[in-house]
Protein backbone atom coordinates (compact mmCIF):
# COMPACT_ATOMS: atom_id res chain seq x y z
CA MET A 1 -44.74 19.31 -36.67
CA LYS A 2 -43.68 22.18 -38.90
CA LEU A 3 -42.19 25.19 -37.15
CA PRO A 4 -42.54 28.70 -38.59
CA ARG A 5 -39.36 30.26 -39.88
CA SER A 6 -38.39 33.84 -39.26
CA VAL A 7 -38.36 36.41 -42.02
CA GLU A 8 -34.59 36.74 -41.56
CA LEU A 9 -34.05 33.03 -42.07
CA ASP A 10 -36.24 33.06 -45.18
CA HIS A 11 -34.13 35.93 -46.57
CA VAL A 12 -30.87 34.05 -45.92
CA LEU A 13 -32.22 30.82 -47.42
CA LEU A 14 -33.45 32.69 -50.49
CA GLY A 15 -29.97 34.14 -50.97
CA HIS A 16 -28.41 30.67 -50.72
CA ALA A 17 -30.93 29.27 -53.19
CA GLN A 18 -30.14 32.06 -55.64
CA HIS A 19 -26.41 31.26 -55.44
CA LEU A 20 -27.14 27.57 -56.03
CA VAL A 21 -29.36 28.26 -59.03
CA GLU A 22 -26.66 30.52 -60.46
CA GLY A 23 -24.12 27.69 -60.08
CA GLY A 24 -22.45 29.20 -57.05
CA HIS A 25 -19.36 27.51 -55.68
CA ALA A 26 -19.19 26.43 -52.06
CA GLY A 27 -16.81 29.29 -51.22
CA ARG A 28 -19.18 31.90 -52.66
CA ILE A 29 -22.16 30.41 -50.82
CA LYS A 30 -20.20 30.33 -47.55
CA ARG A 31 -19.06 33.94 -47.96
CA HIS A 32 -22.68 34.97 -48.59
CA ALA A 33 -23.86 33.09 -45.50
CA LEU A 34 -21.13 34.65 -43.33
CA ALA A 35 -21.98 38.12 -44.68
CA GLN A 36 -25.60 37.48 -43.65
CA GLY A 37 -24.54 36.75 -40.07
CA MET A 38 -24.08 32.99 -40.04
CA ARG A 39 -21.49 31.73 -37.55
CA THR A 40 -19.41 28.71 -38.37
CA LEU A 41 -19.46 25.71 -36.04
CA ARG A 42 -15.91 26.56 -35.00
CA ASP A 43 -16.84 30.18 -34.20
CA ASP A 44 -19.84 28.99 -32.19
CA GLY A 45 -17.68 26.44 -30.39
CA ILE A 46 -15.06 29.06 -29.51
CA ALA A 47 -17.79 31.26 -28.04
CA LYS A 48 -18.97 28.28 -25.97
CA ALA A 49 -15.40 27.55 -24.84
CA LEU A 50 -15.02 31.18 -23.72
CA ALA A 51 -18.31 30.84 -21.81
CA GLY A 52 -17.02 27.71 -20.09
CA VAL A 53 -19.52 25.33 -21.72
CA THR A 54 -16.82 23.26 -23.44
CA THR A 55 -13.06 23.30 -23.93
CA LEU A 56 -11.04 24.78 -26.75
CA ASP A 57 -9.38 21.38 -27.25
CA GLU A 58 -12.78 19.79 -27.82
CA VAL A 59 -13.83 22.52 -30.26
CA LEU A 60 -10.63 22.11 -32.28
CA ARG A 61 -11.00 18.31 -32.24
CA VAL A 62 -14.52 18.23 -33.66
CA THR A 63 -14.51 21.16 -36.10
CA GLN A 64 -12.72 21.85 -39.33
CA GLU A 65 -10.54 24.87 -39.90
CA ASP A 66 -12.64 27.68 -41.35
CA VAL A 67 -11.60 28.13 -44.95
CA VAL A 68 -13.25 30.42 -47.47
CA GLU A 69 -12.19 29.54 -50.97
CA LEU A 70 -11.65 32.26 -53.52
CA ASP A 71 -13.43 31.86 -56.84
């Protein structure tokens, strides 16, 4: 079953595809995604820890440190 994507998601994916076609590095692609409103897994996990859904220890255990590489 194919689910429809939102216009916003299409716009973000198009931006990522453009960076890939242009030979974008992972750091550049990640910066673009973050600028478009993407949250990292760690950021999402911290929000869930603050909401009481999980613990900060668990979030730190299962996620990587957020690093944005400079080109």
